[in-house]
Amino acid sequence: MLQKVMKEPSEMVYIGATLYQKLETFAASISAHSEYKITAAHFAQYLVDHYGEIAQDTMIATLKN
């Protein structure tokens, strides 16, 4: 089931300790409410895969103004 929801995380990106802690908190909550062990990397990958284009469009529109 997990494979249907997200791809395996790959490559590394430095995001800083504060943002990483937020990702870990979200991932831990998902893990606690499901039968899957979700990592901060899984959660970040999911966000990019599912919301990346929306964020891209929003940032472009914001920066154009």
PDB file of N, CA and C in Angstrom:
ATOM      1  N   MET A   1       0.820  -1.200   0.000  1.00  0.00           N
ATOM      2  CA  MET A   1       0.000   0.000   0.000  1.00  0.00           C
ATOM      3  C   MET A   1       0.863   1.263   0.000  1.00  0.00           C
ATOM      4  N   LEU A   2       1.912   1.272   0.799  1.00  0.00           N
ATOM      5  CA  LEU A   2       2.781   2.445   0.888  1.00  0.00           C
ATOM      6  C   LEU A   2       3.378   2.781  -0.474  1.00  0.00           C
ATOM      7  N   GLN A   3       3.740   1.767  -1.251  1.00  0.00           N
ATOM      8  CA  GLN A   3       4.324   2.001  -2.565  1.00  0.00           C
ATOM      9  C   GLN A   3       3.335   2.672  -3.509  1.00  0.00           C
ATOM     10  N   LYS A   4       2.042   2.451  -3.309  1.00  0.00           N
ATOM     11  CA  LYS A   4       1.034   3.090  -4.146  1.00  0.00           C
ATOM     12  C   LYS A   4       0.891   4.568  -3.817  1.00  0.00           C
ATOM     13  N   VAL A   5       1.208   4.945  -2.595  1.00  0.00           N
ATOM     14  CA  VAL A   5       1.036   6.326  -2.155  1.00  0.00           C
ATOM     15  C   VAL A   5       2.239   7.184  -2.521  1.00  0.00           C
ATOM     16  N   MET A   6       3.431   6.637  -2.417  1.00  0.00           N
ATOM     17  CA  MET A   6       4.623   7.443  -2.668  1.00  0.00           C
ATOM     18  C   MET A   6       5.771   6.601  -3.189  1.00  0.00           C
ATOM     19  N   LYS A   7       6.701   7.253  -3.860  1.00  0.00           N
ATOM     20  CA  LYS A   7       7.907   6.606  -4.330  1.00  0.00           C
ATOM     21  C   LYS A   7       8.946   6.625  -3.211  1.00  0.00           C
ATOM     22  N   GLU A   8       9.956   5.784  -3.358  1.00  0.00           N
ATOM     23  CA  GLU A   8      11.060   5.761  -2.396  1.00  0.00           C
ATOM     24  C   GLU A   8      11.849   7.070  -2.520  1.00  0.00           C
ATOM     25  N   PRO A   9      12.160   7.735  -1.414  1.00  0.00           N
ATOM     26  CA  PRO A   9      12.924   8.976  -1.479  1.00  0.00           C
ATOM     27  C   PRO A   9      14.310   8.750  -2.087  1.00  0.00           C
ATOM     28  N   SER A  10      14.806   9.746  -2.796  1.00  0.00           N
ATOM     29  CA  SER A  10      16.131   9.638  -3.388  1.00  0.00           C
ATOM     30  C   SER A  10      16.846  10.977  -3.309  1.00  0.00           C
ATOM     31  N   GLU A  11      18.182  10.919  -3.450  1.00  0.00           N
ATOM     32  CA  GLU A  11      19.028  12.111  -3.391  1.00  0.00           C
ATOM     33  C   GLU A  11      18.870  12.831  -2.052  1.00  0.00           C
ATOM     34  N   MET A  12      19.755  13.780  -1.802  1.00  0.00           N
ATOM     35  CA  MET A  12      19.709  14.504  -0.539  1.00  0.00           C
ATOM     36  C   MET A  12      19.624  16.001  -0.798  1.00  0.00           C
ATOM     37  N   VAL A  13      18.853  16.683   0.034  1.00  0.00           N
ATOM     38  CA  VAL A  13      18.711  18.131  -0.029  1.00  0.00           C
ATOM     39  C   VAL A  13      18.842  18.648   1.395  1.00  0.00           C
ATOM     40  N   TYR A  14      19.666  19.667   1.596  1.00  0.00           N
ATOM     41  CA  TYR A  14      19.808  20.249   2.927  1.00  0.00           C
ATOM     42  C   TYR A  14      18.668  21.224   3.168  1.00  0.00           C
ATOM     43  N   ILE A  15      17.919  21.019   4.245  1.00  0.00           N
ATOM     44  CA  ILE A  15      16.776  21.888   4.552  1.00  0.00           C
ATOM     45  C   ILE A  15      16.903  22.578   5.905  1.00  0.00           C
ATOM     46  N   GLY A  16      17.918  22.244   6.663  1.00  0.00           N
ATOM     47  CA  GLY A  16      18.101  22.868   7.965  1.00  0.00           C
ATOM     48  C   GLY A  16      17.368  22.123   9.068  1.00  0.00           C
ATOM     49  N   ALA A  17      17.847  22.295  10.270  1.00  0.00           N
ATOM     50  CA  ALA A  17      17.349  21.542  11.423  1.00  0.00           C
ATOM     51  C   ALA A  17      15.898  21.865  11.779  1.00  0.00           C
ATOM     52  N   THR A  18      15.518  23.128  11.704  1.00  0.00           N
ATOM     53  CA  THR A  18      14.161  23.520  12.099  1.00  0.00           C
ATOM     54  C   THR A  18      13.113  22.926  11.157  1.00  0.00           C
ATOM     55  N   LEU A  19      13.349  23.049   9.859  1.00  0.00           N
ATOM     56  CA  LEU A  19      12.407  22.504   8.892  1.00  0.00           C
ATOM     57  C   LEU A  19      12.385  20.976   8.959  1.00  0.00           C
ATOM     58  N   TYR A  20      13.551  20.361   9.155  1.00  0.00           N
ATOM     59  CA  TYR A  20      13.608  18.903   9.275  1.00  0.00           C
ATOM     60  C   TYR A  20      12.794  18.427  10.484  1.00  0.00           C
ATOM     61  N   GLN A  21      12.874  19.152  11.586  1.00  0.00           N
ATOM     62  CA  GLN A  21      12.105  18.796  12.779  1.00  0.00           C
ATOM     63  C   GLN A  21      10.606  18.846  12.496  1.00  0.00           C
ATOM     64  N   LYS A  22      10.168  19.845  11.734  1.00  0.00           N
ATOM     65  CA  LYS A  22       8.751  19.924  11.363  1.00  0.00           C
ATOM     66  C   LYS A  22       8.350  18.712  10.525  1.00  0.00           C
ATOM     67  N   LEU A  23       9.194  18.334   9.567  1.00  0.00           N
ATOM     68  CA  LEU A  23       8.908  17.162   8.742  1.00  0.00           C
ATOM     69  C   LEU A  23       8.839  15.902   9.597  1.00  0.00           C
ATOM     70  N   GLU A  24       9.756  15.764  10.547  1.00  0.00           N
ATOM     71  CA  GLU A  24       9.751  14.603  11.441  1.00  0.00           C
ATOM     72  C   GLU A  24       8.476  14.556  12.279  1.00  0.00           C
ATOM     73  N   THR A  25       8.027  15.704  12.736  1.00  0.00           N
ATOM     74  CA  THR A  25       6.802  15.763  13.542  1.00  0.00           C
ATOM     75  C   THR A  25       5.588  15.314  12.731  1.00  0.00           C
ATOM     76  N   PHE A  26       5.470  15.819  11.518  1.00  0.00           N
ATOM     77  CA  PHE A  26       4.370  15.389  10.649  1.00  0.00           C
ATOM     78  C   PHE A  26       4.458  13.895  10.356  1.00  0.00           C
ATOM     79  N   ALA A  27       5.649  13.415  10.039  1.00  0.00           N
ATOM     80  CA  ALA A  27       5.839  11.998   9.719  1.00  0.00           C
ATOM     81  C   ALA A  27       5.500  11.112  10.914  1.00  0.00           C
ATOM     82  N   ALA A  28       5.905  11.526  12.098  1.00  0.00           N
ATOM     83  CA  ALA A  28       5.611  10.751  13.305  1.00  0.00           C
ATOM     84  C   ALA A  28       4.105  10.681  13.552  1.00  0.00           C
ATOM     85  N   SER A  29       3.407  11.772  13.301  1.00  0.00           N
ATOM     86  CA  SER A  29       1.959  11.780  13.472  1.00  0.00           C
ATOM     87  C   SER A  29       1.289  10.818  12.489  1.00  0.00           C
ATOM     88  N   ILE A  30       1.732  10.845  11.247  1.00  0.00           N
ATOM     89  CA  ILE A  30       1.182   9.924  10.243  1.00  0.00           C
ATOM     90  C   ILE A  30       1.450   8.486  10.660  1.00  0.00           C
ATOM     91  N   SER A  31       2.661   8.204  11.111  1.00  0.00           N
ATOM     92  CA  SER A  31       3.019   6.856  11.551  1.00  0.00           C
ATOM     93  C   SER A  31       2.154   6.410  12.722  1.00  0.00           C
ATOM     94  N   ALA A  32       1.895   7.315  13.654  1.00  0.00           N
ATOM     95  CA  ALA A  32       1.098   6.986  14.833  1.00  0.00           C
ATOM     96  C   ALA A  32      -0.357   6.689  14.487  1.00  0.00           C
ATOM     97  N   HIS A  33      -0.836   7.274  13.396  1.00  0.00           N
ATOM     98  CA  HIS A  33      -2.232   7.100  13.009  1.00  0.00           C
ATOM     99  C   HIS A  33      -2.426   6.105  11.868  1.00  0.00           C
ATOM    100  N   SER A  34      -1.360   5.426  11.493  1.00  0.00           N
ATOM    101  CA  SER A  34      -1.461   4.439  10.413  1.00  0.00           C
ATOM    102  C   SER A  34      -0.626   3.224  10.792  1.00  0.00           C
ATOM    103  N   GLU A  35      -0.627   2.248   9.938  1.00  0.00           N
ATOM    104  CA  GLU A  35       0.165   1.040  10.207  1.00  0.00           C
ATOM    105  C   GLU A  35       1.527   1.085   9.521  1.00  0.00           C
ATOM    106  N   TYR A  36       1.935   2.259   9.038  1.00  0.00           N
ATOM    107  CA  TYR A  36       3.183   2.399   8.307  1.00  0.00           C
ATOM    108  C   TYR A  36       4.166   3.300   9.040  1.00  0.00           C
ATOM    109  N   LYS A  37       5.452   3.017   8.893  1.00  0.00           N
ATOM    110  CA  LYS A  37       6.511   3.853   9.440  1.00  0.00           C
ATOM    111  C   LYS A  37       6.872   4.867   8.366  1.00  0.00           C
ATOM    112  N   ILE A  38       6.456   6.104   8.560  1.00  0.00           N
ATOM    113  CA  ILE A  38       6.726   7.174   7.616  1.00  0.00           C
ATOM    114  C   ILE A  38       7.893   8.004   8.139  1.00  0.00           C
ATOM    115  N   THR A  39       8.856   8.258   7.273  1.00  0.00           N
ATOM    116  CA  THR A  39      10.016   9.070   7.658  1.00  0.00           C
ATOM    117  C   THR A  39       9.825  10.507   7.174  1.00  0.00           C
ATOM    118  N   ALA A  40      10.680  11.377   7.660  1.00  0.00           N
ATOM    119  CA  ALA A  40      10.660  12.770   7.202  1.00  0.00           C
ATOM    120  C   ALA A  40      10.902  12.813   5.693  1.00  0.00           C
ATOM    121  N   ALA A  41      11.775  11.961   5.191  1.00  0.00           N
ATOM    122  CA  ALA A  41      12.051  11.917   3.751  1.00  0.00           C
ATOM    123  C   ALA A  41      10.829  11.455   2.964  1.00  0.00           C
ATOM    124  N   HIS A  42      10.109  10.450   3.470  1.00  0.00           N
ATOM    125  CA  HIS A  42       8.876  10.018   2.804  1.00  0.00           C
ATOM    126  C   HIS A  42       7.886  11.178   2.726  1.00  0.00           C
ATOM    127  N   PHE A  43       7.717  11.874   3.834  1.00  0.00           N
ATOM    128  CA  PHE A  43       6.747  12.967   3.872  1.00  0.00           C
ATOM    129  C   PHE A  43       7.149  14.085   2.917  1.00  0.00           C
ATOM    130  N   ALA A  44       8.415  14.454   2.892  1.00  0.00           N
ATOM    131  CA  ALA A  44       8.893  15.501   1.984  1.00  0.00           C
ATOM    132  C   ALA A  44       8.680  15.091   0.530  1.00  0.00           C
ATOM    133  N   GLN A  45       8.988  13.837   0.215  1.00  0.00           N
ATOM    134  CA  GLN A  45       8.793  13.341  -1.151  1.00  0.00           C
ATOM    135  C   GLN A  45       7.321  13.405  -1.542  1.00  0.00           C
ATOM    136  N   TYR A  46       6.447  13.018  -0.626  1.00  0.00           N
ATOM    137  CA  TYR A  46       5.002  13.067  -0.878  1.00  0.00           C
ATOM    138  C   TYR A  46       4.556  14.495  -1.173  1.00  0.00           C
ATOM    139  N   LEU A  47       5.033  15.448  -0.382  1.00  0.00           N
ATOM    140  CA  LEU A  47       4.656  16.844  -0.597  1.00  0.00           C
ATOM    141  C   LEU A  47       5.079  17.330  -1.979  1.00  0.00           C
ATOM    142  N   VAL A  48       6.302  17.018  -2.364  1.00  0.00           N
ATOM    143  CA  VAL A  48       6.792  17.442  -3.676  1.00  0.00           C
ATOM    144  C   VAL A  48       5.995  16.772  -4.790  1.00  0.00           C
ATOM    145  N   ASP A  49       5.789  15.473  -4.670  1.00  0.00           N
ATOM    146  CA  ASP A  49       5.063  14.732  -5.706  1.00  0.00           C
ATOM    147  C   ASP A  49       3.624  15.199  -5.877  1.00  0.00           C
ATOM    148  N   HIS A  50       2.954  15.527  -4.781  1.00  0.00           N
ATOM    149  CA  HIS A  50       1.530  15.848  -4.845  1.00  0.00           C
ATOM    150  C   HIS A  50       1.203  17.338  -4.859  1.00  0.00           C
ATOM    151  N   TYR A  51       2.099  18.170  -4.360  1.00  0.00           N
ATOM    152  CA  TYR A  51       1.800  19.597  -4.253  1.00  0.00           C
ATOM    153  C   TYR A  51       2.858  20.496  -4.886  1.00  0.00           C
ATOM    154  N   GLY A  52       3.865  19.915  -5.500  1.00  0.00           N
ATOM    155  CA  GLY A  52       4.952  20.687  -6.087  1.00  0.00           C
ATOM    156  C   GLY A  52       4.506  21.659  -7.162  1.00  0.00           C
ATOM    157  N   GLU A  53       3.660  21.206  -8.078  1.00  0.00           N
ATOM    158  CA  GLU A  53       3.204  22.084  -9.160  1.00  0.00           C
ATOM    159  C   GLU A  53       2.353  23.234  -8.632  1.00  0.00           C
ATOM    160  N   ILE A  54       1.543  22.973  -7.630  1.00  0.00           N
ATOM    161  CA  ILE A  54       0.730  24.035  -7.036  1.00  0.00           C
ATOM    162  C   ILE A  54       1.639  25.092  -6.407  1.00  0.00           C
ATOM    163  N   ALA A  55       2.634  24.638  -5.669  1.00  0.00           N
ATOM    164  CA  ALA A  55       3.576  25.567  -5.033  1.00  0.00           C
ATOM    165  C   ALA A  55       4.356  26.345  -6.091  1.00  0.00           C
ATOM    166  N   GLN A  56       4.763  25.660  -7.126  1.00  0.00           N
ATOM    167  CA  GLN A  56       5.494  26.319  -8.214  1.00  0.00           C
ATOM    168  C   GLN A  56       4.656  27.425  -8.835  1.00  0.00           C
ATOM    169  N   ASP A  57       3.417  27.119  -9.190  1.00  0.00           N
ATOM    170  CA  ASP A  57       2.534  28.111  -9.807  1.00  0.00           C
ATOM    171  C   ASP A  57       2.279  29.294  -8.878  1.00  0.00           C
ATOM    172  N   THR A  58       2.086  29.013  -7.591  1.00  0.00           N
ATOM    173  CA  THR A  58       1.841  30.068  -6.612  1.00  0.00           C
ATOM    174  C   THR A  58       3.058  30.976  -6.468  1.00  0.00           C
ATOM    175  N   MET A  59       4.239  30.374  -6.394  1.00  0.00           N
ATOM    176  CA  MET A  59       5.458  31.181  -6.252  1.00  0.00           C
ATOM    177  C   MET A  59       5.706  32.032  -7.489  1.00  0.00           C
ATOM    178  N   ILE A  60       5.505  31.465  -8.666  1.00  0.00           N
ATOM    179  CA  ILE A  60       5.697  32.240  -9.898  1.00  0.00           C
ATOM    180  C   ILE A  60       4.743  33.419  -9.933  1.00  0.00           C
ATOM    181  N   ALA A  61       3.470  33.172  -9.618  1.00  0.00           N
ATOM    182  CA  ALA A  61       2.489  34.263  -9.613  1.00  0.00           C
ATOM    183  C   ALA A  61       2.837  35.332  -8.591  1.00  0.00           C
ATOM    184  N   THR A  62       3.286  34.910  -7.422  1.00  0.00           N
ATOM    185  CA  THR A  62       3.648  35.849  -6.363  1.00  0.00           C
ATOM    186  C   THR A  62       4.869  36.678  -6.758  1.00  0.00           C
ATOM    187  N   LEU A  63       5.856  36.038  -7.328  1.00  0.00           N
ATOM    188  CA  LEU A  63       7.098  36.734  -7.675  1.00  0.00           C
ATOM    189  C   LEU A  63       6.953  37.637  -8.901  1.00  0.00           C
ATOM    190  N   LYS A  64       5.965  37.386  -9.728  1.00  0.00           N
ATOM    191  CA  LYS A  64       5.724  38.243 -10.889  1.00  0.00           C
ATOM    192  C   LYS A  64       5.161  39.587 -10.489  1.00  0.00           C
ATOM    193  N   ASN A  65       4.464  39.640  -9.347  1.00  0.00           N
ATOM    194  CA  ASN A  65       3.814  40.881  -8.914  1.00  0.00           C
ATOM    195  C   ASN A  65       4.738  41.758  -8.134  1.00  0.00           C
TER     196      ASN A  65
END
